Full PDB file with SEQRES, HELIX, SHEET, SSBOND, CRYST1, ORIGX, SCALE, CONECT and MASTER records, all heavy atoms in Angstrom:
SEQRES   1 A   43  ALA TYR GLU SER ILE ILE ASN VAL PHE GLU ASP GLY ALA          
SEQRES   2 A   43  ASN GLY SER TYR TYR VAL GLU ASP ILE THR GLN GLN ILE          
SEQRES   3 A   43  ALA GLU ILE SER TRP LYS LEU PHE ILE GLU ILE GLU GLU          
SEQRES   4 A   43  SER GLY GLY TYR                                              
HELIX    1 AA1 TYR A   17  GLU A   39  1                                  23    
CRYST1    1.000    1.000    1.000  90.00  90.00  90.00 P 1           1          
ORIGX1      1.000000  0.000000  0.000000        0.00000                         
ORIGX2      0.000000  1.000000  0.000000        0.00000                         
ORIGX3      0.000000  0.000000  1.000000        0.00000                         
SCALE1      1.000000  0.000000  0.000000        0.00000                         
SCALE2      0.000000  1.000000  0.000000        0.00000                         
SCALE3      0.000000  0.000000  1.000000        0.00000                         
ATOM      1  N   ALA A   1      15.018  15.498  -1.737  1.00  0.00           N  
ATOM      2  CA  ALA A   1      14.017  16.394  -1.280  1.00  0.00           C  
ATOM      3  C   ALA A   1      14.104  17.832  -1.874  1.00  0.00           C  
ATOM      4  O   ALA A   1      13.171  18.382  -2.344  1.00  0.00           O  
ATOM      5  CB  ALA A   1      14.044  16.513   0.247  1.00  0.00           C  
ATOM      6  N   TYR A   2      15.396  18.315  -1.915  1.00  0.00           N  
ATOM      7  CA  TYR A   2      15.490  19.734  -2.322  1.00  0.00           C  
ATOM      8  C   TYR A   2      15.983  19.965  -3.725  1.00  0.00           C  
ATOM      9  O   TYR A   2      15.864  21.098  -4.248  1.00  0.00           O  
ATOM     10  CB  TYR A   2      16.401  20.382  -1.337  1.00  0.00           C  
ATOM     11  CG  TYR A   2      15.868  20.448   0.011  1.00  0.00           C  
ATOM     12  CD1 TYR A   2      16.291  19.571   1.070  1.00  0.00           C  
ATOM     13  CD2 TYR A   2      14.836  21.357   0.428  1.00  0.00           C  
ATOM     14  CE1 TYR A   2      15.770  19.508   2.299  1.00  0.00           C  
ATOM     15  CE2 TYR A   2      14.343  21.462   1.709  1.00  0.00           C  
ATOM     16  CZ  TYR A   2      14.738  20.507   2.536  1.00  0.00           C  
ATOM     17  OH  TYR A   2      14.224  20.511   3.806  1.00  0.00           O  
ATOM     18  N   GLU A   3      16.505  18.871  -4.375  1.00  0.00           N  
ATOM     19  CA  GLU A   3      16.984  19.106  -5.800  1.00  0.00           C  
ATOM     20  C   GLU A   3      15.889  18.406  -6.691  1.00  0.00           C  
ATOM     21  O   GLU A   3      15.677  18.993  -7.787  1.00  0.00           O  
ATOM     22  CB  GLU A   3      18.317  18.384  -6.064  1.00  0.00           C  
ATOM     23  CG  GLU A   3      19.438  18.949  -5.217  1.00  0.00           C  
ATOM     24  CD  GLU A   3      19.784  20.393  -5.621  1.00  0.00           C  
ATOM     25  OE1 GLU A   3      19.521  20.747  -6.714  1.00  0.00           O  
ATOM     26  OE2 GLU A   3      20.337  21.106  -4.835  1.00  0.00           O  
ATOM     27  N   SER A   4      15.389  17.294  -6.291  1.00  0.00           N  
ATOM     28  CA  SER A   4      14.339  16.642  -7.148  1.00  0.00           C  
ATOM     29  C   SER A   4      12.937  17.023  -6.755  1.00  0.00           C  
ATOM     30  O   SER A   4      11.960  16.647  -7.414  1.00  0.00           O  
ATOM     31  CB  SER A   4      14.508  15.149  -7.054  1.00  0.00           C  
ATOM     32  OG  SER A   4      15.734  14.722  -7.476  1.00  0.00           O  
ATOM     33  N   ILE A   5      12.818  17.726  -5.631  1.00  0.00           N  
ATOM     34  CA  ILE A   5      11.447  18.155  -5.103  1.00  0.00           C  
ATOM     35  C   ILE A   5      10.561  16.884  -5.064  1.00  0.00           C  
ATOM     36  O   ILE A   5       9.379  16.962  -5.397  1.00  0.00           O  
ATOM     37  CB  ILE A   5      10.841  19.290  -5.991  1.00  0.00           C  
ATOM     38  CG1 ILE A   5      11.955  20.226  -6.471  1.00  0.00           C  
ATOM     39  CG2 ILE A   5       9.811  19.985  -5.189  1.00  0.00           C  
ATOM     40  CD1 ILE A   5      12.550  21.028  -5.348  1.00  0.00           C  
ATOM     41  N   ILE A   6      11.086  15.854  -4.519  1.00  0.00           N  
ATOM     42  CA  ILE A   6      10.373  14.579  -4.566  1.00  0.00           C  
ATOM     43  C   ILE A   6       9.490  14.441  -3.381  1.00  0.00           C  
ATOM     44  O   ILE A   6       8.512  13.531  -3.368  1.00  0.00           O  
ATOM     45  CB  ILE A   6      11.339  13.401  -4.679  1.00  0.00           C  
ATOM     46  CG1 ILE A   6      10.695  12.157  -5.261  1.00  0.00           C  
ATOM     47  CG2 ILE A   6      11.891  13.083  -3.177  1.00  0.00           C  
ATOM     48  CD1 ILE A   6      11.677  11.091  -5.541  1.00  0.00           C  
ATOM     49  N   ASN A   7       9.573  15.273  -2.482  1.00  0.00           N  
ATOM     50  CA  ASN A   7       8.708  15.121  -1.149  1.00  0.00           C  
ATOM     51  C   ASN A   7       7.653  16.016  -1.018  1.00  0.00           C  
ATOM     52  O   ASN A   7       6.923  16.167   0.052  1.00  0.00           O  
ATOM     53  CB  ASN A   7       9.743  15.331   0.061  1.00  0.00           C  
ATOM     54  CG  ASN A   7      10.281  16.789   0.136  1.00  0.00           C  
ATOM     55  OD1 ASN A   7      10.456  17.388  -0.918  1.00  0.00           O  
ATOM     56  ND2 ASN A   7      10.482  17.336   1.330  1.00  0.00           N  
ATOM     57  N   VAL A   8       7.260  16.756  -2.112  1.00  0.00           N  
ATOM     58  CA  VAL A   8       6.261  17.776  -1.975  1.00  0.00           C  
ATOM     59  C   VAL A   8       4.813  17.231  -2.403  1.00  0.00           C  
ATOM     60  O   VAL A   8       3.812  17.841  -2.187  1.00  0.00           O  
ATOM     61  CB  VAL A   8       6.496  18.996  -2.904  1.00  0.00           C  
ATOM     62  CG1 VAL A   8       7.801  19.652  -2.478  1.00  0.00           C  
ATOM     63  CG2 VAL A   8       6.542  18.550  -4.350  1.00  0.00           C  
ATOM     64  N   PHE A   9       4.822  15.987  -2.951  1.00  0.00           N  
ATOM     65  CA  PHE A   9       3.553  15.454  -3.424  1.00  0.00           C  
ATOM     66  C   PHE A   9       2.928  14.555  -2.310  1.00  0.00           C  
ATOM     67  O   PHE A   9       3.600  13.742  -1.738  1.00  0.00           O  
ATOM     68  CB  PHE A   9       3.798  14.627  -4.658  1.00  0.00           C  
ATOM     69  CG  PHE A   9       4.384  15.423  -5.785  1.00  0.00           C  
ATOM     70  CD1 PHE A   9       5.670  15.308  -6.087  1.00  0.00           C  
ATOM     71  CD2 PHE A   9       3.574  16.263  -6.539  1.00  0.00           C  
ATOM     72  CE1 PHE A   9       6.202  16.069  -7.157  1.00  0.00           C  
ATOM     73  CE2 PHE A   9       4.072  17.004  -7.590  1.00  0.00           C  
ATOM     74  CZ  PHE A   9       5.439  16.940  -7.860  1.00  0.00           C  
ATOM     75  N   GLU A  10       1.677  14.697  -2.111  1.00  0.00           N  
ATOM     76  CA  GLU A  10       1.020  13.900  -1.140  1.00  0.00           C  
ATOM     77  C   GLU A  10       0.988  12.334  -1.513  1.00  0.00           C  
ATOM     78  O   GLU A  10       1.162  11.528  -0.735  1.00  0.00           O  
ATOM     79  CB  GLU A  10      -0.458  14.315  -0.995  1.00  0.00           C  
ATOM     80  CG  GLU A  10      -1.314  13.656   0.025  1.00  0.00           C  
ATOM     81  CD  GLU A  10      -0.893  13.997   1.445  1.00  0.00           C  
ATOM     82  OE1 GLU A  10      -0.341  15.098   1.662  1.00  0.00           O  
ATOM     83  OE2 GLU A  10      -1.143  13.235   2.369  1.00  0.00           O  
ATOM     84  N   ASP A  11       0.827  12.111  -2.808  1.00  0.00           N  
ATOM     85  CA  ASP A  11       0.772  10.728  -3.306  1.00  0.00           C  
ATOM     86  C   ASP A  11       1.221  10.767  -4.727  1.00  0.00           C  
ATOM     87  O   ASP A  11       0.454  10.819  -5.660  1.00  0.00           O  
ATOM     88  CB  ASP A  11      -0.623  10.119  -3.116  1.00  0.00           C  
ATOM     89  CG  ASP A  11      -0.633   8.640  -3.577  1.00  0.00           C  
ATOM     90  OD1 ASP A  11       0.422   8.078  -3.876  1.00  0.00           O  
ATOM     91  OD2 ASP A  11      -1.807   8.058  -3.598  1.00  0.00           O  
ATOM     92  N   GLY A  12       2.479  10.733  -4.939  1.00  0.00           N  
ATOM     93  CA  GLY A  12       3.092  10.922  -6.283  1.00  0.00           C  
ATOM     94  C   GLY A  12       2.761   9.842  -7.235  1.00  0.00           C  
ATOM     95  O   GLY A  12       2.823   9.992  -8.402  1.00  0.00           O  
ATOM     96  N   ALA A  13       2.388   8.559  -6.769  1.00  0.00           N  
ATOM     97  CA  ALA A  13       2.005   7.497  -7.678  1.00  0.00           C  
ATOM     98  C   ALA A  13       0.569   7.403  -7.920  1.00  0.00           C  
ATOM     99  O   ALA A  13       0.073   6.533  -8.665  1.00  0.00           O  
ATOM    100  CB  ALA A  13       2.471   6.203  -7.050  1.00  0.00           C  
ATOM    101  N   ASN A  14      -0.186   8.346  -7.387  1.00  0.00           N  
ATOM    102  CA  ASN A  14      -1.666   8.339  -7.529  1.00  0.00           C  
ATOM    103  C   ASN A  14      -2.065   8.339  -9.025  1.00  0.00           C  
ATOM    104  O   ASN A  14      -1.625   9.254  -9.724  1.00  0.00           O  
ATOM    105  CB  ASN A  14      -2.307   9.466  -6.740  1.00  0.00           C  
ATOM    106  CG  ASN A  14      -3.803   9.435  -6.816  1.00  0.00           C  
ATOM    107  OD1 ASN A  14      -4.417   8.436  -6.972  1.00  0.00           O  
ATOM    108  ND2 ASN A  14      -4.454  10.616  -6.787  1.00  0.00           N  
ATOM    109  N   GLY A  15      -2.928   7.427  -9.468  1.00  0.00           N  
ATOM    110  CA  GLY A  15      -3.354   7.437 -10.856  1.00  0.00           C  
ATOM    111  C   GLY A  15      -2.500   6.614 -11.781  1.00  0.00           C  
ATOM    112  O   GLY A  15      -2.955   6.279 -12.893  1.00  0.00           O  
ATOM    113  N   SER A  16      -1.386   6.040 -11.283  1.00  0.00           N  
ATOM    114  CA  SER A  16      -0.583   5.197 -12.090  1.00  0.00           C  
ATOM    115  C   SER A  16      -1.170   3.765 -12.071  1.00  0.00           C  
ATOM    116  O   SER A  16      -1.267   3.127 -11.053  1.00  0.00           O  
ATOM    117  CB  SER A  16       0.859   5.032 -11.626  1.00  0.00           C  
ATOM    118  OG  SER A  16       1.596   4.000 -12.069  1.00  0.00           O  
ATOM    119  N   TYR A  17      -1.682   3.377 -13.246  1.00  0.00           N  
ATOM    120  CA  TYR A  17      -2.395   2.095 -13.316  1.00  0.00           C  
ATOM    121  C   TYR A  17      -1.590   0.930 -12.649  1.00  0.00           C  
ATOM    122  O   TYR A  17      -2.077   0.140 -11.860  1.00  0.00           O  
ATOM    123  CB  TYR A  17      -2.861   1.712 -14.746  1.00  0.00           C  
ATOM    124  CG  TYR A  17      -3.410   0.311 -14.842  1.00  0.00           C  
ATOM    125  CD1 TYR A  17      -4.778   0.111 -14.447  1.00  0.00           C  
ATOM    126  CD2 TYR A  17      -2.582  -0.801 -15.170  1.00  0.00           C  
ATOM    127  CE1 TYR A  17      -5.294  -1.136 -14.469  1.00  0.00           C  
ATOM    128  CE2 TYR A  17      -3.173  -2.021 -15.246  1.00  0.00           C  
ATOM    129  CZ  TYR A  17      -4.487  -2.226 -14.924  1.00  0.00           C  
ATOM    130  OH  TYR A  17      -5.042  -3.492 -14.974  1.00  0.00           O  
ATOM    131  N   TYR A  18      -0.261   0.815 -13.045  1.00  0.00           N  
ATOM    132  CA  TYR A  18       0.539  -0.263 -12.578  1.00  0.00           C  
ATOM    133  C   TYR A  18       0.664  -0.217 -11.050  1.00  0.00           C  
ATOM    134  O   TYR A  18       0.460  -1.296 -10.372  1.00  0.00           O  
ATOM    135  CB  TYR A  18       1.870  -0.143 -13.267  1.00  0.00           C  
ATOM    136  CG  TYR A  18       2.881  -1.324 -12.876  1.00  0.00           C  
ATOM    137  CD1 TYR A  18       2.536  -2.621 -13.108  1.00  0.00           C  
ATOM    138  CD2 TYR A  18       4.136  -0.961 -12.296  1.00  0.00           C  
ATOM    139  CE1 TYR A  18       3.444  -3.603 -12.726  1.00  0.00           C  
ATOM    140  CE2 TYR A  18       4.977  -1.972 -11.955  1.00  0.00           C  
ATOM    141  CZ  TYR A  18       4.718  -3.345 -12.224  1.00  0.00           C  
ATOM    142  OH  TYR A  18       5.522  -4.287 -11.848  1.00  0.00           O  
ATOM    143  N   VAL A  19       0.982   0.893 -10.466  1.00  0.00           N  
ATOM    144  CA  VAL A  19       1.241   1.005  -9.058  1.00  0.00           C  
ATOM    145  C   VAL A  19      -0.037   0.859  -8.285  1.00  0.00           C  
ATOM    146  O   VAL A  19      -0.113   0.216  -7.280  1.00  0.00           O  
ATOM    147  CB  VAL A  19       1.880   2.372  -8.712  1.00  0.00           C  
ATOM    148  CG1 VAL A  19       2.035   2.467  -7.196  1.00  0.00           C  
ATOM    149  CG2 VAL A  19       3.271   2.493  -9.382  1.00  0.00           C  
ATOM    150  N   GLU A  20      -1.144   1.339  -8.887  1.00  0.00           N  
ATOM    151  CA  GLU A  20      -2.460   1.220  -8.201  1.00  0.00           C  
ATOM    152  C   GLU A  20      -2.871  -0.222  -8.139  1.00  0.00           C  
ATOM    153  O   GLU A  20      -3.333  -0.716  -7.144  1.00  0.00           O  
ATOM    154  CB  GLU A  20      -3.518   2.089  -8.984  1.00  0.00           C  
ATOM    155  CG  GLU A  20      -3.329   3.556  -8.941  1.00  0.00           C  
ATOM    156  CD  GLU A  20      -3.777   4.228  -7.657  1.00  0.00           C  
ATOM    157  OE1 GLU A  20      -4.079   3.478  -6.674  1.00  0.00           O  
ATOM    158  OE2 GLU A  20      -3.909   5.440  -7.602  1.00  0.00           O  
ATOM    159  N   ASP A  21      -2.619  -0.962  -9.237  1.00  0.00           N  
ATOM    160  CA  ASP A  21      -2.980  -2.356  -9.270  1.00  0.00           C  
ATOM    161  C   ASP A  21      -2.196  -3.188  -8.357  1.00  0.00           C  
ATOM    162  O   ASP A  21      -2.738  -3.991  -7.542  1.00  0.00           O  
ATOM    163  CB  ASP A  21      -2.782  -2.887 -10.750  1.00  0.00           C  
ATOM    164  CG  ASP A  21      -3.357  -4.285 -10.908  1.00  0.00           C  
ATOM    165  OD1 ASP A  21      -4.484  -4.554 -10.592  1.00  0.00           O  
ATOM    166  OD2 ASP A  21      -2.482  -5.129 -11.305  1.00  0.00           O  
ATOM    167  N   ILE A  22      -0.871  -2.872  -8.240  1.00  0.00           N  
ATOM    168  CA  ILE A  22      -0.066  -3.617  -7.221  1.00  0.00           C  
ATOM    169  C   ILE A  22      -0.433  -3.267  -5.784  1.00  0.00           C  
ATOM    170  O   ILE A  22      -0.526  -4.150  -4.974  1.00  0.00           O  
ATOM    171  CB  ILE A  22       1.488  -3.343  -7.434  1.00  0.00           C  
ATOM    172  CG1 ILE A  22       1.875  -3.623  -8.871  1.00  0.00           C  
ATOM    173  CG2 ILE A  22       2.354  -4.048  -6.467  1.00  0.00           C  
ATOM    174  CD1 ILE A  22       3.313  -3.083  -9.197  1.00  0.00           C  
ATOM    175  N   THR A  23      -0.769  -2.015  -5.601  1.00  0.00           N  
ATOM    176  CA  THR A  23      -1.218  -1.553  -4.258  1.00  0.00           C  
ATOM    177  C   THR A  23      -2.451  -2.330  -3.833  1.00  0.00           C  
ATOM    178  O   THR A  23      -2.512  -2.875  -2.729  1.00  0.00           O  
ATOM    179  CB  THR A  23      -1.527  -0.052  -4.270  1.00  0.00           C  
ATOM    180  OG1 THR A  23      -0.354   0.704  -4.692  1.00  0.00           O  
ATOM    181  CG2 THR A  23      -2.039   0.452  -2.890  1.00  0.00           C  
ATOM    182  N   GLN A  24      -3.414  -2.401  -4.727  1.00  0.00           N  
ATOM    183  CA  GLN A  24      -4.642  -3.217  -4.416  1.00  0.00           C  
ATOM    184  C   GLN A  24      -4.394  -4.629  -4.095  1.00  0.00           C  
ATOM    185  O   GLN A  24      -4.954  -5.232  -3.164  1.00  0.00           O  
ATOM    186  CB  GLN A  24      -5.702  -3.019  -5.499  1.00  0.00           C  
ATOM    187  CG  GLN A  24      -6.254  -1.573  -5.545  1.00  0.00           C  
ATOM    188  CD  GLN A  24      -6.949  -1.159  -4.274  1.00  0.00           C  
ATOM    189  OE1 GLN A  24      -7.654  -1.908  -3.673  1.00  0.00           O  
ATOM    190  NE2 GLN A  24      -6.757   0.053  -3.877  1.00  0.00           N  
ATOM    191  N   GLN A  25      -3.542  -5.252  -4.932  1.00  0.00           N  
ATOM    192  CA  GLN A  25      -3.262  -6.694  -4.764  1.00  0.00           C  
ATOM    193  C   GLN A  25      -2.501  -6.912  -3.404  1.00  0.00           C  
ATOM    194  O   GLN A  25      -2.961  -7.834  -2.598  1.00  0.00           O  
ATOM    195  CB  GLN A  25      -2.338  -7.147  -5.894  1.00  0.00           C  
ATOM    196  CG  GLN A  25      -3.066  -7.266  -7.193  1.00  0.00           C  
ATOM    197  CD  GLN A  25      -2.205  -7.941  -8.319  1.00  0.00           C  
ATOM    198  OE1 GLN A  25      -1.583  -8.997  -7.994  1.00  0.00           O  
ATOM    199  NE2 GLN A  25      -2.049  -7.306  -9.403  1.00  0.00           N  
ATOM    200  N   ILE A  26      -1.509  -6.099  -3.108  1.00  0.00           N  
ATOM    201  CA  ILE A  26      -0.815  -6.288  -1.816  1.00  0.00           C  
ATOM    202  C   ILE A  26      -1.756  -6.004  -0.711  1.00  0.00           C  
ATOM    203  O   ILE A  26      -1.827  -6.837   0.302  1.00  0.00           O  
ATOM    204  CB  ILE A  26       0.389  -5.222  -1.724  1.00  0.00           C  
ATOM    205  CG1 ILE A  26       1.443  -5.649  -2.766  1.00  0.00           C  
ATOM    206  CG2 ILE A  26       0.963  -5.175  -0.346  1.00  0.00           C  
ATOM    207  CD1 ILE A  26       2.530  -4.636  -2.853  1.00  0.00           C  
ATOM    208  N   ALA A  27      -2.616  -4.993  -0.753  1.00  0.00           N  
ATOM    209  CA  ALA A  27      -3.585  -4.728   0.286  1.00  0.00           C  
ATOM    210  C   ALA A  27      -4.573  -5.835   0.551  1.00  0.00           C  
ATOM    211  O   ALA A  27      -4.838  -6.265   1.691  1.00  0.00           O  
ATOM    212  CB  ALA A  27      -4.300  -3.431  -0.027  1.00  0.00           C  
ATOM    213  N   GLU A  28      -5.119  -6.440  -0.585  1.00  0.00           N  
ATOM    214  CA  GLU A  28      -6.094  -7.512  -0.320  1.00  0.00           C  
ATOM    215  C   GLU A  28      -5.472  -8.779   0.240  1.00  0.00           C  
ATOM    216  O   GLU A  28      -6.044  -9.321   1.154  1.00  0.00           O  
ATOM    217  CB  GLU A  28      -6.676  -7.864  -1.811  1.00  0.00           C  
ATOM    218  CG  GLU A  28      -7.615  -6.774  -2.261  1.00  0.00           C  
ATOM    219  CD  GLU A  28      -8.027  -7.046  -3.761  1.00  0.00           C  
ATOM    220  OE1 GLU A  28      -7.725  -8.190  -4.199  1.00  0.00           O  
ATOM    221  OE2 GLU A  28      -8.632  -6.105  -4.333  1.00  0.00           O  
ATOM    222  N   ILE A  29      -4.264  -9.146  -0.173  1.00  0.00           N  
ATOM    223  CA  ILE A  29      -3.643 -10.332   0.343  1.00  0.00           C  
ATOM    224  C   ILE A  29      -3.195 -10.100   1.780  1.00  0.00           C  
ATOM    225  O   ILE A  29      -3.379 -10.929   2.614  1.00  0.00           O  
ATOM    226  CB  ILE A  29      -2.435 -10.715  -0.506  1.00  0.00           C  
ATOM    227  CG1 ILE A  29      -2.841 -11.089  -1.955  1.00  0.00           C  
ATOM    228  CG2 ILE A  29      -1.674 -11.878   0.064  1.00  0.00           C  
ATOM    229  CD1 ILE A  29      -1.704 -11.231  -2.891  1.00  0.00           C  
ATOM    230  N   SER A  30      -2.728  -8.852   2.060  1.00  0.00           N  
ATOM    231  CA  SER A  30      -2.260  -8.569   3.469  1.00  0.00           C  
ATOM    232  C   SER A  30      -3.407  -8.584   4.412  1.00  0.00           C  
ATOM    233  O   SER A  30      -3.391  -9.099   5.514  1.00  0.00           O  
ATOM    234  CB  SER A  30      -1.622  -7.212   3.517  1.00  0.00           C  
ATOM    235  OG  SER A  30      -0.374  -7.200   2.687  1.00  0.00           O  
ATOM    236  N   TRP A  31      -4.568  -8.021   3.971  1.00  0.00           N  
ATOM    237  CA  TRP A  31      -5.762  -8.057   4.848  1.00  0.00           C  
ATOM    238  C   TRP A  31      -6.290  -9.417   5.081  1.00  0.00           C  
ATOM    239  O   TRP A  31      -6.694  -9.725   6.250  1.00  0.00           O  
ATOM    240  CB  TRP A  31      -6.811  -7.192   4.131  1.00  0.00           C  
ATOM    241  CG  TRP A  31      -8.028  -6.991   5.073  1.00  0.00           C  
ATOM    242  CD1 TRP A  31      -9.237  -7.654   5.102  1.00  0.00           C  
ATOM    243  CD2 TRP A  31      -8.103  -6.009   6.184  1.00  0.00           C  
ATOM    244  NE1 TRP A  31     -10.104  -7.229   6.063  1.00  0.00           N  
ATOM    245  CE2 TRP A  31      -9.440  -6.192   6.773  1.00  0.00           C  
ATOM    246  CE3 TRP A  31      -7.284  -5.055   6.691  1.00  0.00           C  
ATOM    247  CZ2 TRP A  31      -9.881  -5.396   7.842  1.00  0.00           C  
ATOM    248  CZ3 TRP A  31      -7.757  -4.233   7.800  1.00  0.00           C  
ATOM    249  CH2 TRP A  31      -8.972  -4.488   8.364  1.00  0.00           C  
ATOM    250  N   LYS A  32      -6.238 -10.278   4.144  1.00  0.00           N  
ATOM    251  CA  LYS A  32      -6.659 -11.641   4.284  1.00  0.00           C  
ATOM    252  C   LYS A  32      -5.731 -12.278   5.257  1.00  0.00           C  
ATOM    253  O   LYS A  32      -6.275 -13.049   6.215  1.00  0.00           O  
ATOM    254  CB  LYS A  32      -6.606 -12.358   2.978  1.00  0.00           C  
ATOM    255  CG  LYS A  32      -7.096 -13.850   3.002  1.00  0.00           C  
ATOM    256  CD  LYS A  32      -7.008 -14.520   1.688  1.00  0.00           C  
ATOM    257  CE  LYS A  32      -7.408 -15.922   1.774  1.00  0.00           C  
ATOM    258  NZ  LYS A  32      -7.333 -16.632   0.409  1.00  0.00           N  
ATOM    259  N   LEU A  33      -4.439 -12.110   5.283  1.00  0.00           N  
ATOM    260  CA  LEU A  33      -3.591 -12.715   6.243  1.00  0.00           C  
ATOM    261  C   LEU A  33      -3.737 -12.100   7.587  1.00  0.00           C  
ATOM    262  O   LEU A  33      -3.665 -12.855   8.563  1.00  0.00           O  
ATOM    263  CB  LEU A  33      -2.093 -12.522   5.715  1.00  0.00           C  
ATOM    264  CG  LEU A  33      -1.036 -13.084   6.590  1.00  0.00           C  
ATOM    265  CD1 LEU A  33      -1.199 -14.621   6.765  1.00  0.00           C  
ATOM    266  CD2 LEU A  33       0.396 -12.828   5.935  1.00  0.00           C  
ATOM    267  N   PHE A  34      -4.077 -10.844   7.607  1.00  0.00           N  
ATOM    268  CA  PHE A  34      -4.312 -10.156   8.902  1.00  0.00           C  
ATOM    269  C   PHE A  34      -5.516 -10.880   9.603  1.00  0.00           C  
ATOM    270  O   PHE A  34      -5.513 -11.095  10.806  1.00  0.00           O  
ATOM    271  CB  PHE A  34      -4.580  -8.685   8.698  1.00  0.00           C  
ATOM    272  CG  PHE A  34      -5.262  -7.986   9.772  1.00  0.00           C  
ATOM    273  CD1 PHE A  34      -4.582  -7.808  11.035  1.00  0.00           C  
ATOM    274  CD2 PHE A  34      -6.478  -7.552   9.701  1.00  0.00           C  
ATOM    275  CE1 PHE A  34      -5.222  -7.170  12.085  1.00  0.00           C  
ATOM    276  CE2 PHE A  34      -7.205  -6.795  10.694  1.00  0.00           C  
ATOM    277  CZ  PHE A  34      -6.594  -6.726  11.899  1.00  0.00           C  
ATOM    278  N   ILE A  35      -6.611 -11.104   8.777  1.00  0.00           N  
ATOM    279  CA  ILE A  35      -7.779 -11.769   9.352  1.00  0.00           C  
ATOM    280  C   ILE A  35      -7.415 -13.164   9.849  1.00  0.00           C  
ATOM    281  O   ILE A  35      -7.915 -13.583  10.945  1.00  0.00           O  
ATOM    282  CB  ILE A  35      -8.819 -11.916   8.316  1.00  0.00           C  
ATOM    283  CG1 ILE A  35      -9.330 -10.489   7.910  1.00  0.00           C  
ATOM    284  CG2 ILE A  35     -10.037 -12.725   8.725  1.00  0.00           C  
ATOM    285  CD1 ILE A  35      -9.996  -9.636   9.028  1.00  0.00           C  
ATOM    286  N   GLU A  36      -6.556 -13.870   9.177  1.00  0.00           N  
ATOM    287  CA  GLU A  36      -6.088 -15.154   9.677  1.00  0.00           C  
ATOM    288  C   GLU A  36      -5.467 -15.102  11.017  1.00  0.00           C  
ATOM    289  O   GLU A  36      -5.681 -15.938  11.906  1.00  0.00           O  
ATOM    290  CB  GLU A  36      -5.304 -15.866   8.615  1.00  0.00           C  
ATOM    291  CG  GLU A  36      -5.850 -16.207   7.327  1.00  0.00           C  
ATOM    292  CD  GLU A  36      -4.951 -16.860   6.303  1.00  0.00           C  
ATOM    293  OE1 GLU A  36      -3.782 -17.113   6.688  1.00  0.00           O  
ATOM    294  OE2 GLU A  36      -5.360 -17.018   5.110  1.00  0.00           O  
ATOM    295  N   ILE A  37      -4.630 -14.062  11.136  1.00  0.00           N  
ATOM    296  CA  ILE A  37      -3.883 -13.811  12.431  1.00  0.00           C  
ATOM    297  C   ILE A  37      -4.857 -13.501  13.522  1.00  0.00           C  
ATOM    298  O   ILE A  37      -4.771 -14.098  14.626  1.00  0.00           O  
ATOM    299  CB  ILE A  37      -2.838 -12.768  12.323  1.00  0.00           C  
ATOM    300  CG1 ILE A  37      -1.739 -13.212  11.382  1.00  0.00           C  
ATOM    301  CG2 ILE A  37      -2.208 -12.383  13.625  1.00  0.00           C  
ATOM    302  CD1 ILE A  37      -0.684 -12.121  11.031  1.00  0.00           C  
ATOM    303  N   GLU A  38      -5.866 -12.694  13.201  1.00  0.00           N  
ATOM    304  CA  GLU A  38      -6.833 -12.312  14.195  1.00  0.00           C  
ATOM    305  C   GLU A  38      -7.733 -13.476  14.612  1.00  0.00           C  
ATOM    306  O   GLU A  38      -8.045 -13.706  15.735  1.00  0.00           O  
ATOM    307  CB  GLU A  38      -7.772 -11.243  13.601  1.00  0.00           C  
ATOM    308  CG  GLU A  38      -7.179  -9.876  13.511  1.00  0.00           C  
ATOM    309  CD  GLU A  38      -6.652  -9.380  14.952  1.00  0.00           C  
ATOM    310  OE1 GLU A  38      -7.556  -9.167  15.784  1.00  0.00           O  
ATOM    311  OE2 GLU A  38      -5.463  -9.268  15.134  1.00  0.00           O  
ATOM    312  N   GLU A  39      -8.051 -14.374  13.603  1.00  0.00           N  
ATOM    313  CA  GLU A  39      -8.836 -15.599  13.944  1.00  0.00           C  
ATOM    314  C   GLU A  39      -8.034 -16.607  14.831  1.00  0.00           C  
ATOM    315  O   GLU A  39      -8.611 -17.495  15.423  1.00  0.00           O  
ATOM    316  CB  GLU A  39      -9.300 -16.282  12.632  1.00  0.00           C  
ATOM    317  CG  GLU A  39     -10.370 -15.441  11.865  1.00  0.00           C  
ATOM    318  CD  GLU A  39     -10.657 -16.032  10.543  1.00  0.00           C  
ATOM    319  OE1 GLU A  39      -9.925 -16.959  10.096  1.00  0.00           O  
ATOM    320  OE2 GLU A  39     -11.675 -15.620   9.960  1.00  0.00           O  
ATOM    321  N   SER A  40      -6.709 -16.433  14.777  1.00  0.00           N  
ATOM    322  CA  SER A  40      -5.880 -17.297  15.618  1.00  0.00           C  
ATOM    323  C   SER A  40      -5.630 -16.689  17.015  1.00  0.00           C  
ATOM    324  O   SER A  40      -4.869 -17.206  17.805  1.00  0.00           O  
ATOM    325  CB  SER A  40      -4.498 -17.513  14.955  1.00  0.00           C  
ATOM    326  OG  SER A  40      -4.664 -18.232  13.712  1.00  0.00           O  
ATOM    327  N   GLY A  41      -6.285 -15.485  17.332  1.00  0.00           N  
ATOM    328  CA  GLY A  41      -6.248 -14.876  18.607  1.00  0.00           C  
ATOM    329  C   GLY A  41      -5.537 -13.621  18.591  1.00  0.00           C  
ATOM    330  O   GLY A  41      -5.401 -12.977  19.636  1.00  0.00           O  
ATOM    331  N   GLY A  42      -5.005 -13.139  17.442  1.00  0.00           N  
ATOM    332  CA  GLY A  42      -4.299 -11.833  17.476  1.00  0.00           C  
ATOM    333  C   GLY A  42      -2.785 -12.061  17.358  1.00  0.00           C  
ATOM    334  O   GLY A  42      -2.233 -13.235  17.401  1.00  0.00           O  
ATOM    335  N   TYR A  43      -2.062 -10.887  17.392  1.00  0.00           N  
ATOM    336  CA  TYR A  43      -0.648 -10.953  17.191  1.00  0.00           C  
ATOM    337  C   TYR A  43       0.052 -11.744  18.348  1.00  0.00           C  
ATOM    338  O   TYR A  43       0.883 -12.657  18.132  1.00  0.00           O  
ATOM    339  CB  TYR A  43      -0.069  -9.477  17.110  1.00  0.00           C  
ATOM    340  CG  TYR A  43       1.422  -9.468  17.117  1.00  0.00           C  
ATOM    341  CD1 TYR A  43       2.221  -9.898  16.026  1.00  0.00           C  
ATOM    342  CD2 TYR A  43       2.098  -9.147  18.222  1.00  0.00           C  
ATOM    343  CE1 TYR A  43       3.586  -9.878  16.035  1.00  0.00           C  
ATOM    344  CE2 TYR A  43       3.519  -9.031  18.317  1.00  0.00           C  
ATOM    345  CZ  TYR A  43       4.242  -9.459  17.175  1.00  0.00           C  
ATOM    346  OH  TYR A  43       5.556  -9.407  17.255  1.00  0.00           O  
TER     347      TYR A  43                                                      
MASTER        0    0    0    1    0    0    0    6  346    1    0    4          
END                                                                             
């Protein structure tokens, strides 16, 4: 936090194609699984 100043950025990976692509893939698959849980009655 205080030597690398790593905690001052709101979203340090924003704009990184690789990270953005993985983020979207994880989000899409997770949301699909969430819907399946909801269709089974919820958590």
